[in-house]
Amino acid sequence: MNRVFWGAAFALVFAAGCAQTQRAADTTLAAAKAQVNPTLSTTDATFMTTAARGGLAEVQMGQLAQRNGRSEAVKRFGRHMVEHHGRSNQEMAALAQQKQITPPGTMGAEQQRIYDDLSKLRGGAFDRAYAQAMVQDHQEDLRLYQEEAANGTDPDVKAFAARHVPLLQEHLRMAQRLPRR
């Protein structure tokens, strides 16, 4: 294995450890937003903020996969992410407007670090690191959406999450089949 791949793999694992910090920041931001819209719980607002950041990251990383990937499977998956998460992002923006919340305009710090690490890779090294990142990311997204679908308090936000669970399950299956050699 080359050093670039292991460096990227280490960075991805490190970034995953920063997820707790990002979630805490999202919770604080969501709490402030919930005060603007007192009918939306902090939990629902946090979900919306976290999901919006994740959706933006999926689109940008999907675009990167189309440029830096070697295998056609990775490039096709990247196109799929841009298309599906692009539509989901539009739905989220409409829901946020309805709930009087301004969704974040950028991906989170953790996602930005992963994007930056991936952007330094090309070909097979990119394919392996991207596949690993997408499996981990979709596992986390799936847990987030399932939790909101089961326990959300706002019926619209809860329904949004529930509608997207099957799509995220499919994305996870697709990511798990990406080339890793």
N, C-alpha and C. Protein backbone atom coordinates (compact mmCIF):
# COMPACT_ATOMS: atom_id res chain seq x y z
N MET A 1 0.84 -1.18 0.00
CA MET A 1 0.00 0.00 0.00
C MET A 1 0.89 1.25 0.00
N ASN A 2 0.45 2.24 -0.69
CA ASN A 2 1.29 3.44 -0.73
C ASN A 2 0.97 4.38 0.44
N ARG A 3 1.91 5.29 0.70
CA ARG A 3 1.75 6.21 1.83
C ARG A 3 0.58 7.16 1.65
N VAL A 4 0.30 7.56 0.44
CA VAL A 4 -0.81 8.49 0.20
C VAL A 4 -2.12 7.84 0.62
N PHE A 5 -2.29 6.55 0.24
CA PHE A 5 -3.53 5.86 0.60
C PHE A 5 -3.66 5.78 2.12
N TRP A 6 -2.57 5.35 2.80
CA TRP A 6 -2.65 5.20 4.25
C TRP A 6 -2.81 6.54 4.93
N GLY A 7 -2.19 7.57 4.37
CA GLY A 7 -2.38 8.91 4.93
C GLY A 7 -3.82 9.35 4.81
N ALA A 8 -4.43 9.07 3.66
CA ALA A 8 -5.83 9.43 3.46
C ALA A 8 -6.72 8.60 4.37
N ALA A 9 -6.39 7.32 4.51
CA ALA A 9 -7.19 6.45 5.39
C ALA A 9 -7.11 6.95 6.84
N PHE A 10 -5.90 7.32 7.29
CA PHE A 10 -5.75 7.85 8.64
C PHE A 10 -6.57 9.13 8.80
N ALA A 11 -6.51 10.00 7.81
CA ALA A 11 -7.25 11.26 7.89
C ALA A 11 -8.75 11.00 7.97
N LEU A 12 -9.22 9.99 7.24
CA LEU A 12 -10.65 9.68 7.28
C LEU A 12 -11.04 9.16 8.66
N VAL A 13 -10.20 8.32 9.26
CA VAL A 13 -10.49 7.81 10.60
C VAL A 13 -10.43 8.96 11.61
N PHE A 14 -9.43 9.83 11.48
CA PHE A 14 -9.33 11.00 12.37
C PHE A 14 -10.57 11.87 12.24
N ALA A 15 -11.00 12.10 11.00
CA ALA A 15 -12.16 12.95 10.78
C ALA A 15 -13.41 12.35 11.41
N ALA A 16 -13.49 11.03 11.39
CA ALA A 16 -14.66 10.39 12.01
C ALA A 16 -14.69 10.69 13.50
N GLY A 17 -13.51 10.78 14.13
CA GLY A 17 -13.45 11.13 15.54
C GLY A 17 -13.93 12.55 15.80
N CYS A 18 -13.84 13.39 14.80
CA CYS A 18 -14.29 14.77 14.94
C CYS A 18 -15.80 14.90 14.76
N ALA A 19 -16.46 13.81 14.42
CA ALA A 19 -17.90 13.85 14.19
C ALA A 19 -18.64 14.33 15.43
N GLN A 20 -18.18 13.89 16.60
CA GLN A 20 -18.83 14.30 17.85
C GLN A 20 -18.77 15.82 18.00
N THR A 21 -17.62 16.40 17.70
CA THR A 21 -17.46 17.84 17.81
C THR A 21 -18.40 18.56 16.85
N GLN A 22 -18.49 18.06 15.61
CA GLN A 22 -19.37 18.67 14.62
C GLN A 22 -20.82 18.55 15.05
N ARG A 23 -21.20 17.38 15.59
CA ARG A 23 -22.58 17.20 16.04
C ARG A 23 -22.91 18.16 17.18
N ALA A 24 -21.95 18.38 18.08
CA ALA A 24 -22.18 19.33 19.18
C ALA A 24 -22.38 20.74 18.63
N ALA A 25 -21.58 21.11 17.65
CA ALA A 25 -21.75 22.43 17.03
C ALA A 25 -23.10 22.52 16.32
N ASP A 26 -23.50 21.43 15.63
CA ASP A 26 -24.79 21.41 14.96
C ASP A 26 -25.93 21.53 15.96
N THR A 27 -25.78 20.88 17.13
CA THR A 27 -26.82 20.94 18.16
C THR A 27 -26.95 22.37 18.68
N THR A 28 -25.84 23.04 18.90
CA THR A 28 -25.87 24.43 19.37
C THR A 28 -26.54 25.31 18.33
N LEU A 29 -26.15 25.13 17.07
CA LEU A 29 -26.75 25.90 15.99
C LEU A 29 -28.25 25.61 15.89
N ALA A 30 -28.61 24.35 15.99
CA ALA A 30 -30.01 23.97 15.90
C ALA A 30 -30.82 24.55 17.06
N ALA A 31 -30.22 24.57 18.24
CA ALA A 31 -30.93 25.14 19.40
C ALA A 31 -31.24 26.61 19.16
N ALA A 32 -30.27 27.32 18.59
CA ALA A 32 -30.50 28.73 18.28
C ALA A 32 -31.60 28.88 17.24
N LYS A 33 -31.59 28.00 16.24
CA LYS A 33 -32.61 28.06 15.19
C LYS A 33 -33.98 27.69 15.75
N ALA A 34 -34.02 26.73 16.66
CA ALA A 34 -35.29 26.33 17.24
C ALA A 34 -35.91 27.47 18.03
N GLN A 35 -35.08 28.34 18.59
CA GLN A 35 -35.61 29.49 19.31
C GLN A 35 -36.30 30.45 18.35
N VAL A 36 -35.81 30.51 17.11
CA VAL A 36 -36.45 31.35 16.11
C VAL A 36 -37.80 30.73 15.72
N ASN A 37 -37.85 29.42 15.63
CA ASN A 37 -39.07 28.70 15.32
C ASN A 37 -39.38 27.79 16.50
N PRO A 38 -40.12 28.29 17.50
CA PRO A 38 -40.33 27.52 18.73
C PRO A 38 -41.16 26.26 18.54
N THR A 39 -41.79 26.07 17.37
CA THR A 39 -42.58 24.85 17.16
C THR A 39 -41.69 23.69 16.70
N LEU A 40 -40.45 23.97 16.36
CA LEU A 40 -39.53 22.94 15.90
C LEU A 40 -38.60 22.57 17.05
N SER A 41 -38.54 21.28 17.39
CA SER A 41 -37.68 20.86 18.49
C SER A 41 -36.21 21.00 18.11
N THR A 42 -35.37 21.07 19.12
CA THR A 42 -33.94 21.13 18.91
C THR A 42 -33.46 19.88 18.16
N THR A 43 -34.02 18.74 18.49
CA THR A 43 -33.65 17.48 17.84
C THR A 43 -33.97 17.53 16.35
N ASP A 44 -35.16 18.00 16.00
CA ASP A 44 -35.54 18.09 14.59
C ASP A 44 -34.68 19.11 13.85
N ALA A 45 -34.42 20.24 14.50
CA ALA A 45 -33.58 21.26 13.88
C ALA A 45 -32.15 20.76 13.69
N THR A 46 -31.65 20.01 14.66
CA THR A 46 -30.31 19.42 14.55
C THR A 46 -30.26 18.44 13.39
N PHE A 47 -31.29 17.61 13.29
CA PHE A 47 -31.34 16.67 12.17
C PHE A 47 -31.29 17.42 10.84
N MET A 48 -32.09 18.46 10.72
CA MET A 48 -32.13 19.21 9.46
C MET A 48 -30.77 19.82 9.13
N THR A 49 -30.11 20.39 10.12
CA THR A 49 -28.80 20.99 9.90
C THR A 49 -27.77 19.94 9.50
N THR A 50 -27.74 18.84 10.23
CA THR A 50 -26.78 17.77 9.95
C THR A 50 -27.05 17.14 8.59
N ALA A 51 -28.31 16.88 8.29
CA ALA A 51 -28.67 16.28 7.00
C ALA A 51 -28.34 17.21 5.84
N ALA A 52 -28.56 18.50 6.02
CA ALA A 52 -28.26 19.46 4.96
C ALA A 52 -26.76 19.51 4.70
N ARG A 53 -25.96 19.53 5.76
CA ARG A 53 -24.50 19.52 5.59
C ARG A 53 -24.06 18.25 4.87
N GLY A 54 -24.62 17.13 5.26
CA GLY A 54 -24.27 15.85 4.63
C GLY A 54 -24.66 15.81 3.17
N GLY A 55 -25.82 16.35 2.85
CA GLY A 55 -26.26 16.37 1.45
C GLY A 55 -25.35 17.21 0.58
N LEU A 56 -24.92 18.35 1.09
CA LEU A 56 -23.99 19.19 0.34
C LEU A 56 -22.67 18.46 0.13
N ALA A 57 -22.21 17.77 1.16
CA ALA A 57 -20.94 17.03 1.05
C ALA A 57 -21.05 15.92 0.02
N GLU A 58 -22.17 15.21 0.01
CA GLU A 58 -22.35 14.11 -0.96
C GLU A 58 -22.26 14.61 -2.39
N VAL A 59 -22.87 15.75 -2.65
CA VAL A 59 -22.85 16.31 -4.01
C VAL A 59 -21.42 16.70 -4.38
N GLN A 60 -20.74 17.41 -3.50
CA GLN A 60 -19.39 17.87 -3.82
C GLN A 60 -18.41 16.70 -3.95
N MET A 61 -18.54 15.71 -3.08
CA MET A 61 -17.66 14.55 -3.19
C MET A 61 -18.01 13.71 -4.41
N GLY A 62 -19.29 13.68 -4.78
CA GLY A 62 -19.68 12.99 -6.00
C GLY A 62 -19.08 13.64 -7.24
N GLN A 63 -19.05 14.95 -7.25
CA GLN A 63 -18.41 15.67 -8.36
C GLN A 63 -16.92 15.36 -8.40
N LEU A 64 -16.31 15.29 -7.23
CA LEU A 64 -14.89 14.96 -7.13
C LEU A 64 -14.64 13.54 -7.65
N ALA A 65 -15.53 12.62 -7.33
CA ALA A 65 -15.39 11.23 -7.80
C ALA A 65 -15.41 11.16 -9.32
N GLN A 66 -16.23 11.99 -9.93
CA GLN A 66 -16.30 11.99 -11.39
C GLN A 66 -15.00 12.51 -12.01
N ARG A 67 -14.32 13.41 -11.30
CA ARG A 67 -13.06 13.97 -11.82
C ARG A 67 -11.85 13.11 -11.48
N ASN A 68 -11.78 12.61 -10.24
CA ASN A 68 -10.57 11.97 -9.75
C ASN A 68 -10.60 10.45 -9.75
N GLY A 69 -11.77 9.87 -9.92
CA GLY A 69 -11.87 8.42 -9.87
C GLY A 69 -11.28 7.76 -11.11
N ARG A 70 -10.86 6.51 -10.93
CA ARG A 70 -10.35 5.74 -12.06
C ARG A 70 -11.42 4.80 -12.61
N SER A 71 -12.08 4.08 -11.72
CA SER A 71 -13.04 3.07 -12.18
C SER A 71 -14.35 3.72 -12.61
N GLU A 72 -14.95 3.11 -13.58
CA GLU A 72 -16.24 3.60 -14.06
C GLU A 72 -17.30 3.46 -12.95
N ALA A 73 -17.17 2.45 -12.10
CA ALA A 73 -18.13 2.26 -10.99
C ALA A 73 -18.09 3.44 -10.02
N VAL A 74 -16.90 3.93 -9.73
CA VAL A 74 -16.76 5.07 -8.82
C VAL A 74 -17.32 6.32 -9.48
N LYS A 75 -17.01 6.52 -10.73
CA LYS A 75 -17.53 7.70 -11.45
C LYS A 75 -19.06 7.65 -11.55
N ARG A 76 -19.60 6.47 -11.82
CA ARG A 76 -21.05 6.30 -11.91
C ARG A 76 -21.71 6.56 -10.55
N PHE A 77 -21.09 6.04 -9.49
CA PHE A 77 -21.60 6.27 -8.14
C PHE A 77 -21.58 7.77 -7.82
N GLY A 78 -20.49 8.44 -8.20
CA GLY A 78 -20.40 9.88 -7.99
C GLY A 78 -21.52 10.62 -8.70
N ARG A 79 -21.81 10.25 -9.94
CA ARG A 79 -22.93 10.88 -10.67
C ARG A 79 -24.24 10.62 -9.96
N HIS A 80 -24.39 9.42 -9.47
CA HIS A 80 -25.61 9.03 -8.75
C HIS A 80 -25.76 9.89 -7.49
N MET A 81 -24.67 10.12 -6.77
CA MET A 81 -24.71 10.94 -5.55
C MET A 81 -25.09 12.38 -5.88
N VAL A 82 -24.51 12.91 -6.95
CA VAL A 82 -24.83 14.29 -7.35
C VAL A 82 -26.32 14.39 -7.67
N GLU A 83 -26.83 13.44 -8.42
CA GLU A 83 -28.24 13.46 -8.83
C GLU A 83 -29.18 13.29 -7.64
N HIS A 84 -28.99 12.22 -6.89
CA HIS A 84 -29.93 11.91 -5.80
C HIS A 84 -29.83 12.91 -4.65
N HIS A 85 -28.61 13.21 -4.22
CA HIS A 85 -28.48 14.14 -3.11
C HIS A 85 -28.79 15.57 -3.55
N GLY A 86 -28.60 15.87 -4.81
CA GLY A 86 -29.02 17.18 -5.32
C GLY A 86 -30.52 17.37 -5.17
N ARG A 87 -31.28 16.33 -5.53
CA ARG A 87 -32.75 16.40 -5.37
C ARG A 87 -33.12 16.46 -3.89
N SER A 88 -32.46 15.66 -3.07
CA SER A 88 -32.74 15.67 -1.63
C SER A 88 -32.42 17.04 -1.03
N ASN A 89 -31.34 17.65 -1.51
CA ASN A 89 -30.97 18.98 -1.00
C ASN A 89 -32.06 20.00 -1.34
N GLN A 90 -32.64 19.89 -2.52
CA GLN A 90 -33.73 20.80 -2.90
C GLN A 90 -34.94 20.58 -2.00
N GLU A 91 -35.25 19.33 -1.72
CA GLU A 91 -36.36 19.02 -0.81
C GLU A 91 -36.09 19.59 0.58
N MET A 92 -34.85 19.41 1.03
CA MET A 92 -34.48 19.91 2.36
C MET A 92 -34.58 21.43 2.41
N ALA A 93 -34.15 22.09 1.36
CA ALA A 93 -34.23 23.56 1.31
C ALA A 93 -35.68 24.02 1.40
N ALA A 94 -36.57 23.34 0.69
CA ALA A 94 -37.99 23.69 0.74
C ALA A 94 -38.56 23.45 2.14
N LEU A 95 -38.18 22.34 2.75
CA LEU A 95 -38.65 22.04 4.11
C LEU A 95 -38.11 23.06 5.10
N ALA A 96 -36.84 23.41 4.95
CA ALA A 96 -36.24 24.41 5.85
C ALA A 96 -36.96 25.75 5.72
N GLN A 97 -37.29 26.13 4.50
CA GLN A 97 -38.02 27.38 4.30
C GLN A 97 -39.38 27.31 4.97
N GLN A 98 -40.05 26.19 4.81
CA GLN A 98 -41.36 26.00 5.44
C GLN A 98 -41.26 26.09 6.96
N LYS A 99 -40.16 25.57 7.52
CA LYS A 99 -39.97 25.57 8.98
C LYS A 99 -39.25 26.82 9.48
N GLN A 100 -39.02 27.76 8.59
CA GLN A 100 -38.38 29.03 8.93
C GLN A 100 -36.96 28.84 9.48
N ILE A 101 -36.22 27.97 8.83
CA ILE A 101 -34.84 27.70 9.20
C ILE A 101 -33.97 27.99 7.98
N THR A 102 -32.83 28.58 8.21
CA THR A 102 -31.87 28.79 7.13
C THR A 102 -30.89 27.62 7.17
N PRO A 103 -30.93 26.74 6.16
CA PRO A 103 -30.01 25.59 6.17
C PRO A 103 -28.58 26.07 5.94
N PRO A 104 -27.60 25.30 6.43
CA PRO A 104 -26.22 25.70 6.23
C PRO A 104 -25.88 25.70 4.73
N GLY A 105 -25.03 26.60 4.33
CA GLY A 105 -24.65 26.70 2.92
C GLY A 105 -23.38 25.95 2.58
N THR A 106 -22.77 25.34 3.60
CA THR A 106 -21.54 24.60 3.37
C THR A 106 -21.59 23.28 4.11
N MET A 107 -20.72 22.38 3.69
CA MET A 107 -20.61 21.11 4.41
C MET A 107 -19.93 21.38 5.75
N GLY A 108 -20.02 20.42 6.65
CA GLY A 108 -19.40 20.56 7.96
C GLY A 108 -17.89 20.45 7.90
N ALA A 109 -17.24 20.81 8.98
CA ALA A 109 -15.78 20.79 9.04
C ALA A 109 -15.23 19.38 8.81
N GLU A 110 -15.87 18.38 9.40
CA GLU A 110 -15.43 16.99 9.22
C GLU A 110 -15.50 16.60 7.74
N GLN A 111 -16.61 16.92 7.10
CA GLN A 111 -16.77 16.60 5.69
C GLN A 111 -15.78 17.37 4.83
N GLN A 112 -15.49 18.61 5.21
CA GLN A 112 -14.53 19.40 4.44
C GLN A 112 -13.14 18.78 4.52
N ARG A 113 -12.77 18.28 5.70
CA ARG A 113 -11.47 17.61 5.84
C ARG A 113 -11.40 16.37 4.95
N ILE A 114 -12.46 15.59 4.94
CA ILE A 114 -12.48 14.39 4.11
C ILE A 114 -12.39 14.80 2.63
N TYR A 115 -13.16 15.79 2.25
CA TYR A 115 -13.12 16.28 0.86
C TYR A 115 -11.70 16.73 0.50
N ASP A 116 -11.08 17.49 1.36
CA ASP A 116 -9.73 17.98 1.10
C ASP A 116 -8.74 16.83 0.94
N ASP A 117 -8.85 15.81 1.81
CA ASP A 117 -7.97 14.65 1.70
C ASP A 117 -8.22 13.90 0.39
N LEU A 118 -9.48 13.71 0.04
CA LEU A 118 -9.80 13.01 -1.20
C LEU A 118 -9.34 13.78 -2.43
N SER A 119 -9.40 15.10 -2.35
CA SER A 119 -9.05 15.92 -3.52
C SER A 119 -7.58 15.80 -3.88
N LYS A 120 -6.76 15.30 -2.96
CA LYS A 120 -5.33 15.13 -3.22
C LYS A 120 -5.03 13.79 -3.91
N LEU A 121 -6.02 12.93 -4.01
CA LEU A 121 -5.82 11.59 -4.56
C LEU A 121 -6.35 11.49 -5.99
N ARG A 122 -5.80 10.53 -6.72
CA ARG A 122 -6.23 10.27 -8.09
C ARG A 122 -6.26 8.75 -8.31
N GLY A 123 -6.99 8.33 -9.31
CA GLY A 123 -6.96 6.93 -9.74
C GLY A 123 -7.38 5.95 -8.67
N GLY A 124 -6.63 4.84 -8.59
CA GLY A 124 -6.97 3.76 -7.66
C GLY A 124 -6.94 4.19 -6.21
N ALA A 125 -5.98 5.04 -5.84
CA ALA A 125 -5.91 5.52 -4.45
C ALA A 125 -7.17 6.31 -4.11
N PHE A 126 -7.63 7.12 -5.05
CA PHE A 126 -8.87 7.86 -4.83
C PHE A 126 -10.03 6.89 -4.69
N ASP A 127 -10.13 5.94 -5.61
CA ASP A 127 -11.24 4.99 -5.59
C ASP A 127 -11.35 4.29 -4.25
N ARG A 128 -10.22 3.82 -3.71
CA ARG A 128 -10.25 3.10 -2.43
C ARG A 128 -10.68 4.02 -1.28
N ALA A 129 -10.08 5.19 -1.21
CA ALA A 129 -10.40 6.12 -0.12
C ALA A 129 -11.84 6.62 -0.23
N TYR A 130 -12.29 6.89 -1.45
CA TYR A 130 -13.66 7.36 -1.66
C TYR A 130 -14.66 6.28 -1.26
N ALA A 131 -14.39 5.04 -1.67
CA ALA A 131 -15.30 3.93 -1.32
C ALA A 131 -15.40 3.80 0.20
N GLN A 132 -14.27 3.86 0.88
CA GLN A 132 -14.27 3.76 2.33
C GLN A 132 -15.05 4.91 2.96
N ALA A 133 -14.83 6.12 2.47
CA ALA A 133 -15.52 7.29 3.01
C ALA A 133 -17.03 7.19 2.77
N MET A 134 -17.43 6.72 1.60
CA MET A 134 -18.86 6.64 1.28
C MET A 134 -19.57 5.57 2.11
N VAL A 135 -18.90 4.46 2.38
CA VAL A 135 -19.51 3.44 3.24
C VAL A 135 -19.72 4.02 4.63
N GLN A 136 -18.67 4.60 5.18
CA GLN A 136 -18.77 5.16 6.53
C GLN A 136 -19.82 6.28 6.58
N ASP A 137 -19.79 7.16 5.60
CA ASP A 137 -20.72 8.28 5.57
C ASP A 137 -22.16 7.81 5.47
N HIS A 138 -22.42 6.84 4.61
CA HIS A 138 -23.80 6.38 4.46
C HIS A 138 -24.27 5.56 5.65
N GLN A 139 -23.36 4.90 6.35
CA GLN A 139 -23.75 4.23 7.59
C GLN A 139 -24.21 5.27 8.62
N GLU A 140 -23.44 6.34 8.74
CA GLU A 140 -23.80 7.41 9.69
C GLU A 140 -25.10 8.10 9.27
N ASP A 141 -25.23 8.40 7.97
CA ASP A 141 -26.45 9.04 7.48
C ASP A 141 -27.67 8.17 7.73
N LEU A 142 -27.53 6.89 7.46
CA LEU A 142 -28.65 5.97 7.65
C LEU A 142 -29.10 5.95 9.11
N ARG A 143 -28.13 5.90 10.03
CA ARG A 143 -28.49 5.93 11.47
C ARG A 143 -29.21 7.24 11.81
N LEU A 144 -28.69 8.35 11.30
CA LEU A 144 -29.29 9.66 11.56
C LEU A 144 -30.74 9.72 11.06
N TYR A 145 -30.96 9.29 9.83
CA TYR A 145 -32.29 9.34 9.23
C TYR A 145 -33.24 8.36 9.91
N GLN A 146 -32.76 7.17 10.24
CA GLN A 146 -33.61 6.20 10.93
C GLN A 146 -34.03 6.72 12.31
N GLU A 147 -33.10 7.35 13.00
CA GLU A 147 -33.41 7.91 14.32
C GLU A 147 -34.48 8.99 14.20
N GLU A 148 -34.33 9.88 13.22
CA GLU A 148 -35.31 10.94 13.03
C GLU A 148 -36.66 10.36 12.61
N ALA A 149 -36.63 9.38 11.72
CA ALA A 149 -37.89 8.77 11.25
C ALA A 149 -38.63 8.09 12.40
N ALA A 150 -37.90 7.52 13.33
CA ALA A 150 -38.51 6.83 14.46
C ALA A 150 -38.91 7.77 15.59
N ASN A 151 -38.09 8.80 15.84
CA ASN A 151 -38.28 9.59 17.05
C ASN A 151 -38.49 11.08 16.83
N GLY A 152 -38.52 11.53 15.58
CA GLY A 152 -38.72 12.94 15.33
C GLY A 152 -40.05 13.41 15.87
N THR A 153 -40.14 14.70 16.19
CA THR A 153 -41.38 15.22 16.74
C THR A 153 -42.18 16.02 15.73
N ASP A 154 -41.51 16.60 14.75
CA ASP A 154 -42.22 17.36 13.72
C ASP A 154 -42.65 16.39 12.62
N PRO A 155 -43.93 16.31 12.31
CA PRO A 155 -44.39 15.31 11.34
C PRO A 155 -43.79 15.49 9.94
N ASP A 156 -43.54 16.71 9.52
CA ASP A 156 -42.96 16.94 8.19
C ASP A 156 -41.49 16.51 8.14
N VAL A 157 -40.76 16.85 9.17
CA VAL A 157 -39.33 16.49 9.22
C VAL A 157 -39.20 14.98 9.36
N LYS A 158 -40.03 14.40 10.19
CA LYS A 158 -40.04 12.95 10.39
C LYS A 158 -40.36 12.23 9.08
N ALA A 159 -41.32 12.73 8.35
CA ALA A 159 -41.70 12.12 7.07
C ALA A 159 -40.59 12.26 6.04
N PHE A 160 -39.91 13.41 6.02
CA PHE A 160 -38.76 13.60 5.12
C PHE A 160 -37.72 12.52 5.38
N ALA A 161 -37.39 12.34 6.65
CA ALA A 161 -36.39 11.33 7.02
C ALA A 161 -36.84 9.94 6.60
N ALA A 162 -38.09 9.60 6.89
CA ALA A 162 -38.60 8.27 6.56
C ALA A 162 -38.57 8.01 5.06
N ARG A 163 -38.89 9.02 4.26
CA ARG A 163 -38.87 8.86 2.79
C ARG A 163 -37.47 8.59 2.26
N HIS A 164 -36.47 9.10 2.96
CA HIS A 164 -35.10 8.98 2.45
C HIS A 164 -34.35 7.76 3.00
N VAL A 165 -34.89 7.07 3.99
CA VAL A 165 -34.22 5.88 4.52
C VAL A 165 -33.98 4.83 3.44
N PRO A 166 -34.98 4.45 2.63
CA PRO A 166 -34.71 3.44 1.60
C PRO A 166 -33.65 3.87 0.59
N LEU A 167 -33.63 5.14 0.24
CA LEU A 167 -32.63 5.65 -0.69
C LEU A 167 -31.23 5.54 -0.09
N LEU A 168 -31.09 5.89 1.18
CA LEU A 168 -29.80 5.78 1.84
C LEU A 168 -29.36 4.34 2.01
N GLN A 169 -30.31 3.44 2.23
CA GLN A 169 -29.97 2.02 2.30
C GLN A 169 -29.41 1.54 0.96
N GLU A 170 -30.01 1.98 -0.12
CA GLU A 170 -29.52 1.62 -1.44
C GLU A 170 -28.15 2.24 -1.70
N HIS A 171 -27.95 3.49 -1.30
CA HIS A 171 -26.64 4.13 -1.46
C HIS A 171 -25.58 3.36 -0.69
N LEU A 172 -25.89 2.92 0.51
CA LEU A 172 -24.94 2.15 1.31
C LEU A 172 -24.59 0.85 0.60
N ARG A 173 -25.59 0.15 0.09
CA ARG A 173 -25.31 -1.10 -0.64
C ARG A 173 -24.41 -0.83 -1.85
N MET A 174 -24.70 0.25 -2.56
CA MET A 174 -23.89 0.60 -3.73
C MET A 174 -22.46 0.93 -3.32
N ALA A 175 -22.30 1.69 -2.24
CA ALA A 175 -20.96 2.08 -1.76
C ALA A 175 -20.17 0.85 -1.33
N GLN A 176 -20.85 -0.11 -0.73
CA GLN A 176 -20.17 -1.33 -0.28
C GLN A 176 -19.67 -2.17 -1.45
N ARG A 177 -20.25 -1.98 -2.62
CA ARG A 177 -19.84 -2.74 -3.82
C ARG A 177 -18.78 -2.02 -4.64
N LEU A 178 -18.40 -0.81 -4.24
CA LEU A 178 -17.38 -0.08 -4.98
C LEU A 178 -16.04 -0.80 -4.90
N PRO A 179 -15.21 -0.64 -5.95
CA PRO A 179 -13.90 -1.30 -5.95
C PRO A 179 -13.03 -0.81 -4.81
N ARG A 180 -12.31 -1.73 -4.18
CA ARG A 180 -11.45 -1.38 -3.05
C ARG A 180 -10.01 -1.83 -3.27
N ARG A 181 -9.67 -2.24 -4.49
CA ARG A 181 -8.30 -2.67 -4.75
C ARG A 181 -7.52 -1.59 -5.43
